[in-house]
Amino acid sequence: MKRKEIREGLCPGQLAGSVAAGLQDLADPVYQAFFARLVPEGEVLGVKMPALRTWVKGLSEEERQSFMTHLPHRYVEENQAHVLMINEMREFGAAADALRRFAPFADNWAVTDALNPRAFRCDPDTESLACELLRDDNPYAVRMGMLILMRRFLKTDPHLPQILAVRRSHDTLAMMTAWFLAELAVHDPEAVLDVIDALDWATAKRLGQKVRDSRRIGQNVKDRISEACRSRRPMPVR
């Protein structure tokens, strides 16, 4: 029986399940073992991102809508696929609504860091959506808000007051803050140097490491930021 004929005989809930089942055919046991160590908080199939992108592009609009309607998903790759579908949406309102529905179920960095919707690149409401996510109770939703600001506004208005106001008691937000500031250091190192004293010790330590590892930051800037991170006074995590 052809795939289309199978789809037409299923109700929406069955359709969502049949779509997700297709991911299992792409699983790589070797990659699964590797990926599971990177994302210990999630259940993984072992599907590599290039294969996942190809799989998403091969779905019909009906299959995508059914898949995105049925939350929560079981596997990390299902959540990654969900984010990839949001990325491909062209209309801001639809993409923003889809992200709001999905945000409560984001639960690891491998899912959040796939977020880069084309609809958010030029729409003026992207800023307010990102700031809305910064106020979310789910730390991974907050991380997505920070990612949107980093990818969309880093060179024009990095929103440092909002970034520094994020509570970093959750490790994923401390790491995201360090990543954000390391990216900012490529374009405006003085802005980063100005805020290092406002960071808790753990975030400053991560920032220093990311800056040292960067291939886009000059040695002089690396030395200045690393020294500032080392010499700052230890502060409690916010």
Protein backbone atom coordinates (compact mmCIF):
# COMPACT_ATOMS: atom_id res chain seq x y z
CA MET A 1 0.00 0.00 0.00
CA LYS A 2 1.35 3.44 -0.91
CA ARG A 3 2.18 6.02 1.76
CA LYS A 4 -0.62 8.36 0.63
CA GLU A 5 -3.19 5.54 0.78
CA ILE A 6 -2.03 4.64 4.29
CA ARG A 7 -2.35 8.28 5.41
CA GLU A 8 -5.89 8.62 4.08
CA GLY A 9 -7.02 5.65 6.16
CA LEU A 10 -5.83 7.09 9.46
CA CYS A 11 -7.47 9.43 11.93
CA PRO A 12 -5.38 12.48 13.03
CA GLY A 13 -4.00 10.80 16.16
CA GLN A 14 -3.00 7.69 14.24
CA LEU A 15 -1.45 9.87 11.55
CA ALA A 16 0.77 11.62 14.08
CA GLY A 17 1.93 8.26 15.39
CA SER A 18 2.65 6.90 11.93
CA VAL A 19 4.66 9.99 11.03
CA ALA A 20 6.80 9.75 14.17
CA ALA A 21 7.31 6.03 13.60
CA GLY A 22 9.14 6.90 10.39
CA LEU A 23 11.95 8.37 12.46
CA GLN A 24 12.83 4.97 13.87
CA ASP A 25 13.90 3.81 10.41
CA LEU A 26 16.59 6.51 10.44
CA ALA A 27 18.09 5.54 13.80
CA ASP A 28 21.82 4.81 13.98
CA PRO A 29 22.75 2.67 17.03
CA VAL A 30 26.31 4.01 17.15
CA TYR A 31 25.13 7.62 17.03
CA GLN A 32 22.42 6.82 19.56
CA ALA A 33 25.03 5.81 22.13
CA PHE A 34 27.02 8.99 21.45
CA PHE A 35 23.99 11.32 21.44
CA ALA A 36 22.57 9.79 24.63
CA ARG A 37 25.71 10.89 26.49
CA LEU A 38 25.24 14.46 25.25
CA VAL A 39 21.55 14.60 26.20
CA PRO A 40 21.22 12.43 29.31
CA GLU A 41 17.90 14.01 30.28
CA GLY A 42 16.12 12.83 27.12
CA GLU A 43 15.26 9.57 25.35
CA VAL A 44 17.02 9.43 21.99
CA LEU A 45 16.62 7.36 18.85
CA GLY A 46 19.99 8.22 17.31
CA VAL A 47 18.95 10.19 14.22
CA LYS A 48 21.59 12.57 12.89
CA MET A 49 20.53 16.14 12.13
CA PRO A 50 21.08 15.98 8.32
CA ALA A 51 18.83 12.92 8.12
CA LEU A 52 16.30 14.61 10.38
CA ARG A 53 16.20 17.72 8.16
CA THR A 54 15.67 15.58 5.06
CA TRP A 55 12.90 13.66 6.80
CA VAL A 56 11.09 16.86 7.80
CA LYS A 57 11.29 18.26 4.26
CA GLY A 58 9.70 15.08 2.92
CA LEU A 59 6.54 15.40 5.05
CA SER A 60 3.30 16.71 3.63
CA GLU A 61 1.62 19.74 5.18
CA GLU A 62 -1.07 17.46 6.59
CA GLU A 63 1.54 15.27 8.25
CA ARG A 64 3.31 18.29 9.73
CA GLN A 65 0.13 19.74 11.16
CA SER A 66 -0.86 16.41 12.70
CA PHE A 67 2.61 15.87 14.16
CA MET A 68 2.79 19.37 15.67
CA THR A 69 -0.69 19.11 17.18
CA HIS A 70 0.11 16.05 19.25
CA LEU A 71 2.27 17.00 22.21
CA PRO A 72 4.24 15.94 24.14
CA HIS A 73 6.60 13.89 21.99
CA ARG A 74 8.56 10.97 23.37
CA TYR A 75 11.96 11.27 21.73
CA VAL A 76 14.47 14.12 21.55
CA GLU A 77 14.52 13.79 17.76
CA GLU A 78 10.75 14.28 17.63
CA ASN A 79 11.16 17.55 19.52
CA GLN A 80 14.01 18.54 17.22
CA ALA A 81 11.81 17.79 14.22
CA HIS A 82 9.06 19.93 15.75
CA VAL A 83 11.48 22.87 16.00
CA LEU A 84 12.65 22.33 12.41
CA MET A 85 9.03 22.54 11.28
CA ILE A 86 8.63 25.84 13.13
CA ASN A 87 11.83 27.06 11.47
CA GLU A 88 10.33 26.56 8.02
CA MET A 89 7.13 28.50 8.69
CA ARG A 90 6.99 31.70 6.65
CA GLU A 91 4.31 33.65 8.53
CA PHE A 92 5.35 35.18 11.85
CA GLY A 93 2.04 34.78 13.67
CA ALA A 94 1.79 31.07 12.87
CA ALA A 95 5.42 30.44 13.83
CA ALA A 96 5.08 32.41 17.08
CA ASP A 97 1.90 30.55 18.06
CA ALA A 98 3.53 27.21 17.26
CA LEU A 99 6.54 28.12 19.39
CA ARG A 100 4.35 29.19 22.31
CA ARG A 101 2.52 25.84 22.18
CA PHE A 102 5.80 23.93 22.05
CA ALA A 103 7.81 25.94 24.60
CA PRO A 104 6.45 24.14 27.73
CA PHE A 105 7.76 20.84 26.34
CA ALA A 106 11.31 21.95 25.50
CA ASP A 107 13.56 20.05 27.90
CA ASN A 108 17.14 20.02 26.62
CA TRP A 109 19.69 22.11 24.75
CA ALA A 110 19.73 19.88 21.65
CA VAL A 111 16.12 20.86 21.02
CA THR A 112 16.30 24.55 21.88
CA ASP A 113 19.48 25.20 19.93
CA ALA A 114 17.90 23.99 16.67
CA LEU A 115 15.57 27.00 16.81
CA ASN A 116 16.11 29.55 14.02
CA PRO A 117 12.74 30.40 12.37
CA ARG A 118 12.93 32.18 9.05
CA ALA A 119 9.75 34.08 9.99
CA PHE A 120 11.60 35.76 12.88
CA ARG A 121 14.42 37.24 10.80
CA CYS A 122 12.70 40.45 9.73
CA ASP A 123 9.44 40.75 11.66
CA PRO A 124 9.38 43.63 14.18
CA ASP A 125 7.42 41.53 16.69
CA THR A 126 10.30 39.07 17.08
CA GLU A 127 11.82 41.20 19.84
CA SER A 128 8.69 41.16 22.00
CA LEU A 129 8.30 37.39 21.52
CA ALA A 130 11.89 36.81 22.63
CA CYS A 131 11.41 38.97 25.72
CA GLU A 132 8.17 37.11 26.47
CA LEU A 133 10.10 33.83 26.47
CA LEU A 134 12.69 35.31 28.85
CA ARG A 135 9.91 35.54 31.46
CA ASP A 136 8.80 31.91 31.05
CA ASP A 137 9.01 29.47 33.97
CA ASN A 138 10.60 26.78 31.81
CA PRO A 139 14.38 27.41 31.68
CA TYR A 140 14.55 25.89 28.20
CA ALA A 141 11.90 28.32 26.96
CA VAL A 142 14.03 31.11 28.43
CA ARG A 143 17.03 29.69 26.58
CA MET A 144 15.05 29.89 23.32
CA GLY A 145 14.30 33.55 24.01
CA MET A 146 18.00 34.20 24.56
CA LEU A 147 18.84 32.36 21.35
CA ILE A 148 16.40 34.50 19.37
CA LEU A 149 17.98 37.67 20.74
CA MET A 150 21.47 36.35 20.00
CA ARG A 151 20.70 35.33 16.44
CA ARG A 152 18.52 38.29 15.54
CA PHE A 153 19.73 41.30 17.56
CA LEU A 154 23.31 40.66 18.70
CA LYS A 155 24.91 43.21 16.35
CA THR A 156 22.25 45.91 16.66
CA ASP A 157 20.83 45.74 20.19
CA PRO A 158 22.01 42.80 22.30
CA HIS A 159 19.49 43.52 25.08
CA LEU A 160 22.13 43.08 27.77
CA PRO A 161 19.93 44.29 30.66
CA GLN A 162 17.37 41.60 29.84
CA ILE A 163 20.05 38.93 29.40
CA LEU A 164 21.73 39.76 32.70
CA ALA A 165 18.36 39.79 34.48
CA VAL A 166 17.79 36.11 33.63
CA ARG A 167 18.01 33.89 36.70
CA ARG A 168 20.93 31.54 36.05
CA SER A 169 20.36 28.99 38.82
CA HIS A 170 19.61 26.42 36.10
CA ASP A 171 22.79 25.22 34.43
CA THR A 172 21.40 25.57 30.91
CA LEU A 173 20.90 29.32 31.44
CA ALA A 174 24.37 29.85 32.88
CA MET A 175 25.80 28.14 29.82
CA MET A 176 23.55 30.11 27.48
CA THR A 177 24.55 33.42 29.09
CA ALA A 178 28.22 32.54 28.65
CA TRP A 179 27.63 31.60 25.01
CA PHE A 180 25.69 34.82 24.38
CA LEU A 181 28.46 36.98 25.85
CA ALA A 182 31.19 35.08 24.00
CA GLU A 183 29.35 35.76 20.74
CA LEU A 184 28.96 39.41 21.69
CA ALA A 185 32.70 39.60 22.39
CA VAL A 186 33.34 39.00 18.69
CA HIS A 187 31.54 42.25 17.83
CA ASP A 188 31.74 44.39 20.98
CA PRO A 189 34.31 43.16 23.51
CA GLU A 190 34.09 46.34 25.59
CA ALA A 191 30.40 45.69 26.26
CA VAL A 192 31.30 42.26 27.59
CA LEU A 193 34.12 43.59 29.76
CA ASP A 194 31.70 46.11 31.26
CA VAL A 195 29.33 43.42 32.56
CA ILE A 196 31.67 40.68 33.80
CA ASP A 197 31.47 41.93 37.39
CA ALA A 198 27.69 41.42 37.25
CA LEU A 199 28.10 37.70 36.54
CA ASP A 200 28.14 34.92 39.09
CA TRP A 201 31.38 32.98 39.33
CA ALA A 202 30.16 29.89 37.44
CA THR A 203 28.92 31.92 34.46
CA ALA A 204 32.12 34.00 34.38
CA LYS A 205 34.19 30.82 34.39
CA ARG A 206 32.22 29.44 31.44
CA LEU A 207 32.53 32.74 29.59
CA GLY A 208 36.30 32.74 30.02
CA GLN A 209 36.52 29.21 28.63
CA LYS A 210 34.30 29.97 25.63
CA VAL A 211 36.29 33.09 24.79
CA ARG A 212 39.58 31.17 25.00
CA ASP A 213 38.17 28.46 22.72
CA SER A 214 36.87 30.92 20.11
CA ARG A 215 38.63 31.20 16.76
CA ARG A 216 36.95 34.52 15.99
CA ILE A 217 38.30 36.52 18.92
CA GLY A 218 41.77 38.07 18.84
CA GLN A 219 44.37 37.10 21.42
CA ASN A 220 44.41 40.53 23.07
CA VAL A 221 40.65 40.42 23.67
CA LYS A 222 40.90 36.82 24.87
CA ASP A 223 43.54 37.79 27.40
CA ARG A 224 41.57 40.79 28.69
CA ILE A 225 38.29 38.92 29.10
CA SER A 226 39.95 35.84 30.59
CA GLU A 227 41.78 37.96 33.14
CA ALA A 228 38.60 39.86 34.01
CA CYS A 229 36.76 36.57 34.52
CA ARG A 230 39.52 35.21 36.76
CA SER A 231 39.94 38.33 38.87
CA ARG A 232 36.29 39.11 39.57
CA ARG A 233 34.91 38.39 43.03
CA PRO A 234 32.90 35.19 43.48
CA MET A 235 29.18 35.97 43.58
CA PRO A 236 26.25 33.63 44.23
CA VAL A 237 24.32 32.26 41.27
CA ARG A 238 21.16 34.30 40.64
